C-alpha atoms as a PDB file:
ATOM      1  CA  MET A   1     -20.866 -22.118 -38.171  1.00  0.00           C
ATOM      2  CA  LYS A   2     -22.753 -19.223 -36.547  1.00  0.00           C
ATOM      3  CA  CYS A   3     -21.957 -20.653 -33.098  1.00  0.00           C
ATOM      4  CA  LEU A   4     -18.258 -20.886 -33.946  1.00  0.00           C
ATOM      5  CA  LEU A   5     -18.231 -17.315 -35.280  1.00  0.00           C
ATOM      6  CA  ALA A   6     -20.070 -15.992 -32.193  1.00  0.00           C
ATOM      7  CA  SER A   7     -17.752 -17.788 -29.753  1.00  0.00           C
ATOM      8  CA  THR A   8     -14.661 -16.567 -31.638  1.00  0.00           C
ATOM      9  CA  PHE A   9     -15.968 -12.994 -31.513  1.00  0.00           C
ATOM     10  CA  ALA A  10     -16.702 -13.330 -27.777  1.00  0.00           C
ATOM     11  CA  ALA A  11     -13.176 -14.658 -27.145  1.00  0.00           C
ATOM     12  CA  ILE A  12     -11.619 -11.758 -29.067  1.00  0.00           C
ATOM     13  CA  VAL A  13     -13.662  -9.194 -27.129  1.00  0.00           C
ATOM     14  CA  ALA A  14     -12.765 -10.842 -23.816  1.00  0.00           C
ATOM     15  CA  ALA A  15      -9.063 -10.985 -24.697  1.00  0.00           C
ATOM     16  CA  ALA A  16      -9.038  -7.354 -25.808  1.00  0.00           C
ATOM     17  CA  SER A  17     -10.634  -6.171 -22.558  1.00  0.00           C
ATOM     18  CA  MET A  18      -8.381  -8.209 -20.211  1.00  0.00           C
ATOM     19  CA  PRO A  19      -5.300  -5.953 -20.245  1.00  0.00           C
ATOM     20  CA  ALA A  20      -7.357  -2.877 -19.373  1.00  0.00           C
ATOM     21  CA  ASN A  21      -8.915  -4.627 -16.382  1.00  0.00           C
ATOM     22  CA  ALA A  22      -5.592  -6.027 -15.188  1.00  0.00           C
ATOM     23  CA  GLN A  23      -3.996  -2.580 -15.086  1.00  0.00           C
ATOM     24  CA  THR A  24      -6.779  -0.770 -13.260  1.00  0.00           C
ATOM     25  CA  PRO A  25      -8.005  -1.994  -9.873  1.00  0.00           C
ATOM     26  CA  GLY A  26     -11.761  -1.768  -9.574  1.00  0.00           C
ATOM     27  CA  GLY A  27     -12.029  -0.298 -13.072  1.00  0.00           C
ATOM     28  CA  GLY A  28     -10.398   3.002 -11.994  1.00  0.00           C
ATOM     29  CA  ASN A  29      -7.867   5.092 -13.874  1.00  0.00           C
ATOM     30  CA  THR A  30      -4.936   4.455 -11.530  1.00  0.00           C
ATOM     31  CA  PRO A  31      -2.440   1.760 -12.601  1.00  0.00           C
ATOM     32  CA  LYS A  32      -2.112  -1.021 -10.058  1.00  0.00           C
ATOM     33  CA  GLN A  33       1.292  -1.724  -8.508  1.00  0.00           C
ATOM     34  CA  GLN A  34       2.624  -4.814 -10.244  1.00  0.00           C
ATOM     35  CA  CYS A  35       5.567  -5.500  -7.954  1.00  0.00           C
ATOM     36  CA  ALA A  36       6.234  -7.555  -4.849  1.00  0.00           C
ATOM     37  CA  ILE A  37       9.199  -5.552  -3.537  1.00  0.00           C
ATOM     38  CA  GLY A  38       9.499  -1.790  -3.522  1.00  0.00           C
ATOM     39  CA  TYR A  39      10.960   1.197  -1.746  1.00  0.00           C
ATOM     40  CA  VAL A  40       9.046   3.791   0.257  1.00  0.00           C
ATOM     41  CA  THR A  41      10.112   7.337   0.998  1.00  0.00           C
ATOM     42  CA  GLY A  42       7.450   9.209   2.933  1.00  0.00           C
ATOM     43  CA  VAL A  43       5.187   8.326   5.823  1.00  0.00           C
ATOM     44  CA  GLY A  44       3.416   5.141   6.835  1.00  0.00           C
ATOM     45  CA  GLY A  45       1.424   3.883   9.764  1.00  0.00           C
ATOM     46  CA  SER A  46      -1.798   2.334  10.944  1.00  0.00           C
ATOM     47  CA  ALA A  47      -4.810   2.701   8.663  1.00  0.00           C
ATOM     48  CA  GLN A  48      -6.609   5.065  11.046  1.00  0.00           C
ATOM     49  CA  SER A  49      -3.517   7.213  11.618  1.00  0.00           C
ATOM     50  CA  MET A  50      -2.860   7.464   7.870  1.00  0.00           C
ATOM     51  CA  ARG A  51      -6.456   8.582   7.243  1.00  0.00           C
ATOM     52  CA  GLU A  52      -6.052  11.259   9.911  1.00  0.00           C
ATOM     53  CA  TYR A  53      -2.621  12.294   8.612  1.00  0.00           C
ATOM     54  CA  LEU A  54      -3.834  12.601   5.017  1.00  0.00           C
ATOM     55  CA  ALA A  55      -6.806  14.687   6.186  1.00  0.00           C
ATOM     56  CA  THR A  56      -4.554  17.020   8.194  1.00  0.00           C
ATOM     57  CA  PRO A  57      -3.786  20.408   6.580  1.00  0.00           C
ATOM     58  CA  ASP A  58      -0.245  20.614   5.169  1.00  0.00           C
ATOM     59  CA  ARG A  59       0.807  23.187   7.762  1.00  0.00           C
ATOM     60  CA  ASP A  60       0.021  20.690  10.585  1.00  0.00           C
ATOM     61  CA  LYS A  61       1.448  17.451   9.089  1.00  0.00           C
ATOM     62  CA  TYR A  62       4.823  17.736  10.832  1.00  0.00           C
ATOM     63  CA  ARG A  63       3.124  18.250  14.200  1.00  0.00           C
ATOM     64  CA  TYR A  64       0.859  15.232  13.586  1.00  0.00           C
ATOM     65  CA  LEU A  65       3.909  13.105  12.771  1.00  0.00           C
ATOM     66  CA  ALA A  66       5.722  14.271  15.921  1.00  0.00           C
ATOM     67  CA  ASP A  67       2.673  13.833  18.194  1.00  0.00           C
ATOM     68  CA  ASN A  68       1.705  10.348  16.937  1.00  0.00           C
ATOM     69  CA  PRO A  69       4.788   8.090  16.780  1.00  0.00           C
ATOM     70  CA  ILE A  70       4.145   4.509  15.716  1.00  0.00           C
ATOM     71  CA  GLN A  71       3.632   2.057  18.586  1.00  0.00           C
ATOM     72  CA  CYS A  72       2.882  -1.650  18.351  1.00  0.00           C
ATOM     73  CA  GLN A  73       2.376  -4.556  20.697  1.00  0.00           C
ATOM     74  CA  VAL A  74       5.170  -7.094  20.241  1.00  0.00           C
ATOM     75  CA  SER A  75       4.519 -10.736  21.113  1.00  0.00           C
ATOM     76  CA  ASP A  76       7.049 -13.120  22.681  1.00  0.00           C
ATOM     77  CA  GLU A  77       7.597 -14.554  19.182  1.00  0.00           C
ATOM     78  CA  GLY A  78       8.613 -11.110  17.891  1.00  0.00           C
ATOM     79  CA  ARG A  79       5.415 -10.336  15.963  1.00  0.00           C
ATOM     80  CA  ALA A  80       4.201  -6.754  15.947  1.00  0.00           C
ATOM     81  CA  SER A  81       0.443  -6.135  15.971  1.00  0.00           C
ATOM     82  CA  ALA A  82      -2.194  -3.615  17.089  1.00  0.00           C
ATOM     83  CA  CYS A  83      -0.139  -0.715  15.764  1.00  0.00           C
ATOM     84  CA  THR A  84      -1.173   2.906  16.106  1.00  0.00           C
ATOM     85  CA  GLY A  85       0.520   6.070  14.963  1.00  0.00           C
ATOM     86  CA  ILE A  86       2.721   7.001  12.059  1.00  0.00           C
ATOM     87  CA  THR A  87       6.403   6.901  11.120  1.00  0.00           C
ATOM     88  CA  SER A  88       8.687   8.470   8.551  1.00  0.00           C
ATOM     89  CA  LEU A  89      10.357   6.163   6.024  1.00  0.00           C
ATOM     90  CA  ARG A  90      13.434   7.016   3.967  1.00  0.00           C
ATOM     91  CA  HIS A  91      14.046   4.687   1.027  1.00  0.00           C
ATOM     92  CA  GLU A  92      12.858   1.753   3.132  1.00  0.00           C
ATOM     93  CA  ARG A  93      12.709  -1.594   1.316  1.00  0.00           C
ATOM     94  CA  VAL A  94       9.203  -3.058   1.682  1.00  0.00           C
ATOM     95  CA  SER A  95       7.143  -6.041   0.586  1.00  0.00           C
ATOM     96  CA  VAL A  96       4.038  -4.841  -1.223  1.00  0.00           C
ATOM     97  CA  TYR A  97       1.096  -6.470   0.516  1.00  0.00           C
ATOM     98  CA  ASP A  98      -2.229  -5.218  -0.875  1.00  0.00           C
ATOM     99  CA  ASP A  99      -4.109  -2.215  -2.268  1.00  0.00           C
ATOM    100  CA  ILE A 100      -6.310  -0.516   0.330  1.00  0.00           C
ATOM    101  CA  ASP A 101      -8.008   2.039  -1.926  1.00  0.00           C
ATOM    102  CA  SER A 102      -7.104   4.305  -4.837  1.00  0.00           C
ATOM    103  CA  ALA A 103      -4.704   6.383  -2.714  1.00  0.00           C
ATOM    104  CA  THR A 104      -3.114   3.935  -0.239  1.00  0.00           C
ATOM    105  CA  MET A 105      -1.697   0.442  -0.028  1.00  0.00           C
ATOM    106  CA  SER A 106      -0.450  -1.818   2.727  1.00  0.00           C
ATOM    107  CA  VAL A 107       3.159  -2.947   2.826  1.00  0.00           C
ATOM    108  CA  VAL A 108       5.391  -4.875   5.198  1.00  0.00           C
ATOM    109  CA  ALA A 109       8.235  -2.662   6.379  1.00  0.00           C
ATOM    110  CA  ARG A 110      10.894  -2.926   9.059  1.00  0.00           C
ATOM    111  CA  VAL A 111       9.969  -0.299  11.633  1.00  0.00           C
ATOM    112  CA  GLU A 112      11.964   0.913  14.628  1.00  0.00           C
ATOM    113  CA  LEU A 113       9.907   0.463  17.795  1.00  0.00           C
ATOM    114  CA  ASP A 114      10.763   0.961  21.483  1.00  0.00           C
ATOM    115  CA  HIS A 115      12.205  -2.546  21.848  1.00  0.00           C
ATOM    116  CA  GLY A 116      13.941  -2.923  18.479  1.00  0.00           C
ATOM    117  CA  THR A 117      13.198  -3.177  14.769  1.00  0.00           C
ATOM    118  CA  TYR A 118      10.314  -5.401  13.642  1.00  0.00           C
ATOM    119  CA  PRO A 119       8.466  -6.188  10.412  1.00  0.00           C
ATOM    120  CA  VAL A 120       5.095  -4.420  10.538  1.00  0.00           C
ATOM    121  CA  ILE A 121       2.177  -4.196   8.124  1.00  0.00           C
ATOM    122  CA  ILE A 122       1.590  -0.476   7.572  1.00  0.00           C
ATOM    123  CA  VAL A 123      -0.376   1.712   5.183  1.00  0.00           C
ATOM    124  CA  VAL A 124       1.468   4.100   2.855  1.00  0.00           C
ATOM    125  CA  PRO A 125       0.372   6.493   0.087  1.00  0.00           C
ATOM    126  CA  LYS A 126       0.697   4.768  -3.299  1.00  0.00           C
ATOM    127  CA  GLN A 127       2.676   7.645  -4.796  1.00  0.00           C
ATOM    128  CA  ASP A 128       5.416   7.026  -2.198  1.00  0.00           C
ATOM    129  CA  VAL A 129       6.032   3.430  -3.386  1.00  0.00           C
ATOM    130  CA  ARG A 130       8.599   2.758  -6.110  1.00  0.00           C
ATOM    131  CA  CYS A 131       8.915  -0.781  -7.447  1.00  0.00           C
ATOM    132  CA  GLU A 132      12.279  -2.514  -7.267  1.00  0.00           C
ATOM    133  CA  GLU A 133      13.728  -3.169 -10.695  1.00  0.00           C
END
């Protein structure tokens, strides 16, 4: 009887704590994106370029965007890789890929490159992503 009571109590505690863990990645206070498709309005680019862009003072962000356009290597099969730089996105439909950290996430977006438009995995600020309803 004591074993049954203890296991029931443990199950209740575990069930009560599950929703809190599911909504916060890594136990943080930020709700995790729970969508597969979304829209991005803002900037996106390679992980390194986004770190640099986010660290740039507000007065210099436009210059950084203009001086570091996104560039990728495109294979014969049409796959973009080894991207550098940053691009501006206006209500671009994206596939949500993965959380990077508390401030950014990676998405797959169609990006205009020198030789056409290609799907590219880029990093975007989380606040710029809106889930499709």
